[in-house]
Amino acid sequence: MFTGVGLVIANKERSKFYFQQKDETYWIPEYHLKYCFFGGGREKEENAYDTLKRELDEELEPPVAKIILEKSKEVFLNEFINIFGKKCKHFIFEAILSEKEFEEVIKFPIKEGKRGKIFLKEELIEEKFFIETWKILKDYFELKEN
């Protein structure tokens, strides 16, 4: 089973979110230019937190990775079937940023993918996201609303 981590980056009101956009070279053609969580696959010897730290270091500039990692906490475990029909397990983390921290984060380009993008909650549209990201995001909102 593929195991990984995903990170929801939001403001305190959970009305603003930061996602990664994959570029045209991403290995799954259906996901070219689609948005997803920051995060990725776990290596054998890693726990979920170590995976998150490594992925943030790979995907973001050091000052941004540091801000986000310091704010990250694990919120739930999600099991799902991916686009290839394979069973996956993702540890979902959440980083709640202040407005000042959001401003700092968007000053830096991302190191992996096309760009980082802020979405307002009402701008979140299924067609813009990985299928898996969208399903996990719906679960996240359900959890946070209850």
N, C-alpha and C. Protein backbone atom coordinates (compact mmCIF):
# COMPACT_ATOMS: atom_id res chain seq x y z
N MET A 1 0.84 -1.18 0.00
CA MET A 1 0.00 0.00 0.00
C MET A 1 0.89 1.24 0.00
N PHE A 2 0.56 2.18 -0.86
CA PHE A 2 1.29 3.45 -0.90
C PHE A 2 0.89 4.28 0.31
N THR A 3 1.88 4.80 1.01
CA THR A 3 1.63 5.65 2.18
C THR A 3 2.31 6.99 1.98
N GLY A 4 1.61 8.05 2.33
CA GLY A 4 2.18 9.37 2.16
C GLY A 4 1.57 10.37 3.12
N VAL A 5 1.88 11.63 2.86
CA VAL A 5 1.35 12.73 3.66
C VAL A 5 0.79 13.81 2.74
N GLY A 6 -0.19 14.52 3.23
CA GLY A 6 -0.73 15.68 2.55
C GLY A 6 -0.87 16.79 3.57
N LEU A 7 -0.72 18.02 3.13
CA LEU A 7 -0.75 19.16 4.05
C LEU A 7 -1.78 20.19 3.60
N VAL A 8 -2.76 20.43 4.46
CA VAL A 8 -3.73 21.51 4.24
C VAL A 8 -3.13 22.77 4.86
N ILE A 9 -2.91 23.78 4.04
CA ILE A 9 -2.38 25.06 4.52
C ILE A 9 -3.52 26.07 4.43
N ALA A 10 -3.91 26.63 5.59
CA ALA A 10 -5.09 27.49 5.63
C ALA A 10 -4.88 28.65 6.61
N ASN A 11 -5.79 29.63 6.51
CA ASN A 11 -5.80 30.68 7.52
C ASN A 11 -6.70 30.24 8.68
N LYS A 12 -6.72 31.03 9.74
CA LYS A 12 -7.44 30.65 10.96
C LYS A 12 -8.93 30.40 10.70
N GLU A 13 -9.53 31.18 9.81
CA GLU A 13 -10.96 31.04 9.51
C GLU A 13 -11.24 29.90 8.53
N ARG A 14 -10.19 29.32 7.99
CA ARG A 14 -10.28 28.28 6.96
C ARG A 14 -11.09 28.79 5.76
N SER A 15 -10.77 30.03 5.39
CA SER A 15 -11.41 30.64 4.22
C SER A 15 -10.40 30.88 3.10
N LYS A 16 -9.12 30.65 3.39
CA LYS A 16 -8.04 30.86 2.43
C LYS A 16 -7.10 29.65 2.53
N PHE A 17 -6.68 29.14 1.34
CA PHE A 17 -5.86 27.92 1.29
C PHE A 17 -4.72 28.09 0.30
N TYR A 18 -3.63 27.36 0.54
CA TYR A 18 -2.45 27.42 -0.33
C TYR A 18 -2.19 26.03 -0.88
N PHE A 19 -2.16 25.92 -2.22
CA PHE A 19 -1.95 24.64 -2.89
C PHE A 19 -0.78 24.72 -3.87
N GLN A 20 -0.31 23.57 -4.24
CA GLN A 20 0.76 23.42 -5.24
C GLN A 20 0.12 23.06 -6.58
N GLN A 21 0.57 23.72 -7.65
CA GLN A 21 0.12 23.35 -8.99
C GLN A 21 1.23 22.54 -9.65
N LYS A 22 0.87 21.37 -10.16
CA LYS A 22 1.84 20.54 -10.88
C LYS A 22 2.08 21.16 -12.26
N ASP A 23 3.24 20.90 -12.81
CA ASP A 23 3.55 21.45 -14.14
C ASP A 23 3.27 20.41 -15.22
N GLU A 24 3.63 20.76 -16.46
CA GLU A 24 3.34 19.91 -17.61
C GLU A 24 4.23 18.67 -17.68
N THR A 25 5.22 18.57 -16.81
CA THR A 25 6.11 17.39 -16.83
C THR A 25 5.73 16.38 -15.75
N TYR A 26 4.69 16.65 -14.96
CA TYR A 26 4.31 15.72 -13.90
C TYR A 26 4.03 14.35 -14.50
N TRP A 27 4.42 13.30 -13.80
CA TRP A 27 4.41 11.93 -14.35
C TRP A 27 3.02 11.37 -14.63
N ILE A 28 1.97 11.98 -14.11
CA ILE A 28 0.60 11.54 -14.42
C ILE A 28 -0.02 12.60 -15.34
N PRO A 29 -0.13 12.32 -16.63
CA PRO A 29 -0.62 13.33 -17.58
C PRO A 29 -1.98 13.94 -17.21
N GLU A 30 -2.87 13.14 -16.63
CA GLU A 30 -4.19 13.65 -16.25
C GLU A 30 -4.11 14.76 -15.21
N TYR A 31 -2.98 14.86 -14.54
CA TYR A 31 -2.82 15.83 -13.46
C TYR A 31 -1.93 17.01 -13.84
N HIS A 32 -1.56 17.11 -15.11
CA HIS A 32 -0.80 18.28 -15.54
C HIS A 32 -1.61 19.54 -15.23
N LEU A 33 -0.96 20.50 -14.59
CA LEU A 33 -1.52 21.81 -14.23
C LEU A 33 -2.67 21.74 -13.22
N LYS A 34 -2.86 20.59 -12.58
CA LYS A 34 -3.88 20.46 -11.53
C LYS A 34 -3.24 20.81 -10.19
N TYR A 35 -4.08 21.13 -9.23
CA TYR A 35 -3.62 21.51 -7.89
C TYR A 35 -3.72 20.34 -6.92
N CYS A 36 -2.82 20.36 -5.93
CA CYS A 36 -2.79 19.31 -4.92
C CYS A 36 -2.20 19.86 -3.63
N PHE A 37 -2.24 19.03 -2.60
CA PHE A 37 -1.59 19.38 -1.34
C PHE A 37 -0.09 19.34 -1.53
N PHE A 38 0.63 20.07 -0.71
CA PHE A 38 2.06 19.84 -0.58
C PHE A 38 2.19 18.53 0.20
N GLY A 39 3.23 17.77 -0.08
CA GLY A 39 3.42 16.48 0.57
C GLY A 39 3.88 15.46 -0.44
N GLY A 40 3.76 14.19 -0.10
CA GLY A 40 4.19 13.14 -1.01
C GLY A 40 4.35 11.82 -0.31
N GLY A 41 5.06 10.90 -0.98
CA GLY A 41 5.19 9.53 -0.51
C GLY A 41 6.19 9.36 0.62
N ARG A 42 5.85 8.43 1.50
CA ARG A 42 6.70 8.11 2.64
C ARG A 42 7.76 7.09 2.25
N GLU A 43 8.98 7.32 2.68
CA GLU A 43 10.05 6.35 2.49
C GLU A 43 10.03 5.37 3.65
N LYS A 44 10.55 4.15 3.42
CA LYS A 44 10.42 3.05 4.38
C LYS A 44 10.73 3.42 5.82
N GLU A 45 11.84 4.08 6.05
CA GLU A 45 12.29 4.33 7.42
C GLU A 45 11.66 5.57 8.07
N GLU A 46 10.80 6.27 7.35
CA GLU A 46 10.25 7.53 7.85
C GLU A 46 8.93 7.33 8.60
N ASN A 47 8.72 8.19 9.59
CA ASN A 47 7.37 8.32 10.14
C ASN A 47 6.69 9.45 9.37
N ALA A 48 5.42 9.70 9.66
CA ALA A 48 4.66 10.69 8.89
C ALA A 48 5.27 12.10 9.01
N TYR A 49 5.68 12.48 10.21
CA TYR A 49 6.26 13.81 10.41
C TYR A 49 7.55 13.97 9.61
N ASP A 50 8.41 12.94 9.64
CA ASP A 50 9.67 13.00 8.88
C ASP A 50 9.40 13.13 7.38
N THR A 51 8.37 12.44 6.91
CA THR A 51 7.99 12.55 5.49
C THR A 51 7.56 13.97 5.17
N LEU A 52 6.73 14.54 6.03
CA LEU A 52 6.28 15.91 5.81
C LEU A 52 7.46 16.87 5.76
N LYS A 53 8.38 16.74 6.69
CA LYS A 53 9.55 17.62 6.74
C LYS A 53 10.37 17.49 5.46
N ARG A 54 10.64 16.26 5.03
CA ARG A 54 11.44 16.04 3.82
C ARG A 54 10.73 16.63 2.60
N GLU A 55 9.45 16.37 2.48
CA GLU A 55 8.69 16.87 1.33
C GLU A 55 8.66 18.40 1.31
N LEU A 56 8.45 19.02 2.46
CA LEU A 56 8.45 20.49 2.49
C LEU A 56 9.82 21.04 2.11
N ASP A 57 10.88 20.39 2.58
CA ASP A 57 12.23 20.82 2.20
C ASP A 57 12.47 20.69 0.70
N GLU A 58 11.87 19.66 0.08
CA GLU A 58 12.02 19.45 -1.37
C GLU A 58 11.18 20.43 -2.17
N GLU A 59 10.02 20.80 -1.66
CA GLU A 59 9.05 21.56 -2.44
C GLU A 59 9.08 23.07 -2.21
N LEU A 60 9.59 23.49 -1.06
CA LEU A 60 9.52 24.90 -0.68
C LEU A 60 10.88 25.45 -0.30
N GLU A 61 11.03 26.76 -0.43
CA GLU A 61 12.26 27.42 0.00
C GLU A 61 12.39 27.31 1.52
N PRO A 62 13.63 27.25 2.05
CA PRO A 62 13.82 27.03 3.49
C PRO A 62 13.01 27.93 4.43
N PRO A 63 12.93 29.25 4.19
CA PRO A 63 12.15 30.06 5.14
C PRO A 63 10.67 29.68 5.17
N VAL A 64 10.13 29.31 4.02
CA VAL A 64 8.72 28.93 3.92
C VAL A 64 8.50 27.57 4.56
N ALA A 65 9.37 26.61 4.25
CA ALA A 65 9.26 25.27 4.83
C ALA A 65 9.29 25.35 6.35
N LYS A 66 10.14 26.20 6.88
CA LYS A 66 10.27 26.35 8.34
C LYS A 66 8.98 26.90 8.95
N ILE A 67 8.44 27.96 8.37
CA ILE A 67 7.19 28.55 8.88
C ILE A 67 6.08 27.51 8.89
N ILE A 68 5.93 26.82 7.78
CA ILE A 68 4.82 25.87 7.64
C ILE A 68 5.02 24.66 8.55
N LEU A 69 6.22 24.12 8.61
CA LEU A 69 6.47 22.94 9.44
C LEU A 69 6.19 23.25 10.92
N GLU A 70 6.59 24.42 11.36
CA GLU A 70 6.36 24.81 12.77
C GLU A 70 4.87 24.87 13.11
N LYS A 71 4.04 25.12 12.12
CA LYS A 71 2.59 25.25 12.33
C LYS A 71 1.83 23.95 12.06
N SER A 72 2.52 22.92 11.59
CA SER A 72 1.85 21.69 11.14
C SER A 72 1.53 20.74 12.28
N LYS A 73 0.32 20.19 12.20
CA LYS A 73 -0.07 19.14 13.14
C LYS A 73 -0.91 18.12 12.37
N GLU A 74 -0.78 16.87 12.78
CA GLU A 74 -1.54 15.81 12.12
C GLU A 74 -3.00 15.90 12.55
N VAL A 75 -3.92 15.83 11.56
CA VAL A 75 -5.34 15.97 11.90
C VAL A 75 -6.16 14.71 11.63
N PHE A 76 -5.81 13.92 10.63
CA PHE A 76 -6.51 12.65 10.42
C PHE A 76 -5.76 11.77 9.44
N LEU A 77 -6.19 10.53 9.40
CA LEU A 77 -5.64 9.53 8.48
C LEU A 77 -6.71 9.25 7.44
N ASN A 78 -6.34 9.24 6.17
CA ASN A 78 -7.30 9.03 5.10
C ASN A 78 -6.84 7.86 4.24
N GLU A 79 -7.71 6.88 4.06
CA GLU A 79 -7.43 5.77 3.15
C GLU A 79 -8.33 5.94 1.94
N PHE A 80 -7.76 5.72 0.76
CA PHE A 80 -8.51 5.94 -0.47
C PHE A 80 -7.95 5.09 -1.59
N ILE A 81 -8.67 5.03 -2.69
CA ILE A 81 -8.22 4.36 -3.91
C ILE A 81 -7.77 5.47 -4.86
N ASN A 82 -6.55 5.35 -5.37
CA ASN A 82 -6.02 6.42 -6.23
C ASN A 82 -6.51 6.26 -7.67
N ILE A 83 -6.05 7.14 -8.53
CA ILE A 83 -6.46 7.17 -9.93
C ILE A 83 -6.14 5.87 -10.67
N PHE A 84 -5.18 5.10 -10.15
CA PHE A 84 -4.79 3.83 -10.76
C PHE A 84 -5.50 2.63 -10.13
N GLY A 85 -6.42 2.89 -9.20
CA GLY A 85 -7.14 1.82 -8.54
C GLY A 85 -6.36 1.16 -7.41
N LYS A 86 -5.31 1.79 -6.94
CA LYS A 86 -4.47 1.24 -5.86
C LYS A 86 -4.89 1.84 -4.52
N LYS A 87 -4.83 1.00 -3.48
CA LYS A 87 -5.17 1.46 -2.13
C LYS A 87 -4.02 2.30 -1.58
N CYS A 88 -4.37 3.45 -1.01
CA CYS A 88 -3.38 4.38 -0.46
C CYS A 88 -3.80 4.83 0.93
N LYS A 89 -2.82 5.27 1.69
CA LYS A 89 -3.06 5.80 3.02
C LYS A 89 -2.27 7.09 3.15
N HIS A 90 -2.96 8.18 3.49
CA HIS A 90 -2.30 9.48 3.67
C HIS A 90 -2.55 10.01 5.08
N PHE A 91 -1.48 10.43 5.71
CA PHE A 91 -1.58 11.16 6.97
C PHE A 91 -1.78 12.63 6.58
N ILE A 92 -2.89 13.20 7.01
CA ILE A 92 -3.21 14.57 6.63
C ILE A 92 -2.84 15.51 7.77
N PHE A 93 -2.01 16.47 7.43
CA PHE A 93 -1.58 17.50 8.38
C PHE A 93 -2.27 18.81 8.03
N GLU A 94 -2.30 19.70 9.00
CA GLU A 94 -2.87 21.02 8.81
C GLU A 94 -1.89 22.05 9.37
N ALA A 95 -1.69 23.12 8.62
CA ALA A 95 -0.89 24.26 9.09
C ALA A 95 -1.77 25.50 9.00
N ILE A 96 -2.09 26.08 10.14
CA ILE A 96 -2.90 27.30 10.18
C ILE A 96 -1.95 28.49 10.26
N LEU A 97 -2.01 29.35 9.23
CA LEU A 97 -1.11 30.50 9.13
C LEU A 97 -1.85 31.80 9.41
N SER A 98 -1.14 32.75 9.99
CA SER A 98 -1.67 34.10 10.15
C SER A 98 -1.61 34.81 8.79
N GLU A 99 -2.28 35.94 8.69
CA GLU A 99 -2.23 36.71 7.44
C GLU A 99 -0.79 37.12 7.13
N LYS A 100 -0.06 37.50 8.14
CA LYS A 100 1.34 37.89 7.96
C LYS A 100 2.17 36.71 7.43
N GLU A 101 1.92 35.52 7.97
CA GLU A 101 2.65 34.33 7.50
C GLU A 101 2.27 33.99 6.06
N PHE A 102 0.99 34.12 5.71
CA PHE A 102 0.57 33.91 4.32
C PHE A 102 1.33 34.86 3.39
N GLU A 103 1.42 36.12 3.77
CA GLU A 103 2.14 37.11 2.96
C GLU A 103 3.60 36.71 2.79
N GLU A 104 4.21 36.19 3.83
CA GLU A 104 5.61 35.76 3.77
C GLU A 104 5.76 34.55 2.84
N VAL A 105 4.86 33.59 2.97
CA VAL A 105 4.92 32.36 2.19
C VAL A 105 4.84 32.64 0.69
N ILE A 106 3.94 33.52 0.28
CA ILE A 106 3.74 33.73 -1.16
C ILE A 106 4.83 34.58 -1.80
N LYS A 107 5.74 35.12 -1.01
CA LYS A 107 6.87 35.87 -1.57
C LYS A 107 7.86 34.95 -2.29
N PHE A 108 7.86 33.68 -1.94
CA PHE A 108 8.86 32.75 -2.46
C PHE A 108 8.24 31.81 -3.50
N PRO A 109 8.96 31.53 -4.58
CA PRO A 109 8.47 30.53 -5.54
C PRO A 109 8.60 29.13 -4.92
N ILE A 110 7.81 28.20 -5.43
CA ILE A 110 7.98 26.82 -4.97
C ILE A 110 9.11 26.18 -5.76
N LYS A 111 9.69 25.11 -5.23
CA LYS A 111 10.82 24.45 -5.88
C LYS A 111 10.38 23.27 -6.74
N GLU A 112 9.16 22.77 -6.54
CA GLU A 112 8.65 21.63 -7.29
C GLU A 112 7.27 22.00 -7.82
N GLY A 113 7.03 21.73 -9.09
CA GLY A 113 5.74 22.08 -9.68
C GLY A 113 5.80 23.44 -10.35
N LYS A 114 4.65 23.87 -10.86
CA LYS A 114 4.57 25.14 -11.60
C LYS A 114 4.53 26.35 -10.67
N ARG A 115 3.67 26.29 -9.64
CA ARG A 115 3.54 27.43 -8.73
C ARG A 115 2.74 27.04 -7.50
N GLY A 116 2.84 27.91 -6.49
CA GLY A 116 1.95 27.84 -5.35
C GLY A 116 0.84 28.85 -5.58
N LYS A 117 -0.38 28.52 -5.16
CA LYS A 117 -1.50 29.43 -5.40
C LYS A 117 -2.42 29.46 -4.18
N ILE A 118 -2.84 30.67 -3.85
CA ILE A 118 -3.83 30.84 -2.79
C ILE A 118 -5.22 30.82 -3.41
N PHE A 119 -6.10 30.04 -2.79
CA PHE A 119 -7.51 29.98 -3.17
C PHE A 119 -8.36 30.43 -1.99
N LEU A 120 -9.39 31.20 -2.26
CA LEU A 120 -10.43 31.43 -1.27
C LEU A 120 -11.32 30.20 -1.26
N LYS A 121 -11.96 29.91 -0.16
CA LYS A 121 -12.78 28.69 -0.06
C LYS A 121 -13.79 28.61 -1.20
N GLU A 122 -14.42 29.73 -1.53
CA GLU A 122 -15.45 29.70 -2.58
C GLU A 122 -14.86 29.49 -3.98
N GLU A 123 -13.55 29.58 -4.13
CA GLU A 123 -12.90 29.35 -5.42
C GLU A 123 -12.48 27.89 -5.62
N LEU A 124 -12.67 27.07 -4.60
CA LEU A 124 -12.27 25.66 -4.70
C LEU A 124 -13.26 24.92 -5.57
N ILE A 125 -12.80 24.51 -6.75
CA ILE A 125 -13.64 23.84 -7.74
C ILE A 125 -13.01 22.49 -8.06
N GLU A 126 -13.80 21.44 -8.01
CA GLU A 126 -13.30 20.07 -8.17
C GLU A 126 -12.42 19.89 -9.40
N GLU A 127 -12.78 20.48 -10.52
CA GLU A 127 -12.06 20.27 -11.78
C GLU A 127 -10.62 20.77 -11.74
N LYS A 128 -10.29 21.64 -10.79
CA LYS A 128 -8.94 22.19 -10.70
C LYS A 128 -7.96 21.29 -9.94
N PHE A 129 -8.48 20.25 -9.27
CA PHE A 129 -7.68 19.49 -8.32
C PHE A 129 -7.51 18.02 -8.72
N PHE A 130 -6.45 17.42 -8.17
CA PHE A 130 -6.30 15.96 -8.24
C PHE A 130 -7.59 15.37 -7.66
N ILE A 131 -8.03 14.24 -8.20
CA ILE A 131 -9.22 13.56 -7.67
C ILE A 131 -9.03 13.27 -6.19
N GLU A 132 -7.85 12.74 -5.85
CA GLU A 132 -7.56 12.36 -4.46
C GLU A 132 -7.55 13.57 -3.54
N THR A 133 -6.96 14.66 -3.99
CA THR A 133 -6.91 15.88 -3.19
C THR A 133 -8.33 16.38 -2.91
N TRP A 134 -9.17 16.36 -3.93
CA TRP A 134 -10.53 16.85 -3.77
C TRP A 134 -11.29 16.03 -2.74
N LYS A 135 -11.17 14.70 -2.82
CA LYS A 135 -11.88 13.82 -1.87
C LYS A 135 -11.39 14.06 -0.44
N ILE A 136 -10.08 14.18 -0.27
CA ILE A 136 -9.52 14.42 1.06
C ILE A 136 -9.94 15.80 1.57
N LEU A 137 -9.97 16.78 0.70
CA LEU A 137 -10.39 18.13 1.08
C LEU A 137 -11.84 18.13 1.57
N LYS A 138 -12.70 17.38 0.90
CA LYS A 138 -14.10 17.27 1.34
C LYS A 138 -14.17 16.65 2.74
N ASP A 139 -13.37 15.59 2.97
CA ASP A 139 -13.32 14.96 4.30
C ASP A 139 -12.81 15.95 5.35
N TYR A 140 -11.82 16.73 4.98
CA TYR A 140 -11.25 17.74 5.88
C TYR A 140 -12.33 18.75 6.30
N PHE A 141 -13.09 19.25 5.33
CA PHE A 141 -14.13 20.23 5.65
C PHE A 141 -15.22 19.62 6.54
N GLU A 142 -15.57 18.37 6.26
CA GLU A 142 -16.55 17.68 7.10
C GLU A 142 -16.06 17.58 8.54
N LEU A 143 -14.81 17.19 8.70
CA LEU A 143 -14.21 17.05 10.03
C LEU A 143 -14.19 18.39 10.76
N LYS A 144 -13.81 19.45 10.07
CA LYS A 144 -13.67 20.76 10.70
C LYS A 144 -15.02 21.42 10.98
N GLU A 145 -16.06 21.02 10.27
CA GLU A 145 -17.38 21.61 10.49
C GLU A 145 -18.14 20.91 11.61
N ASN A 146 -17.68 19.74 12.00
CA ASN A 146 -18.37 18.98 13.08
C ASN A 146 -17.69 19.13 14.41
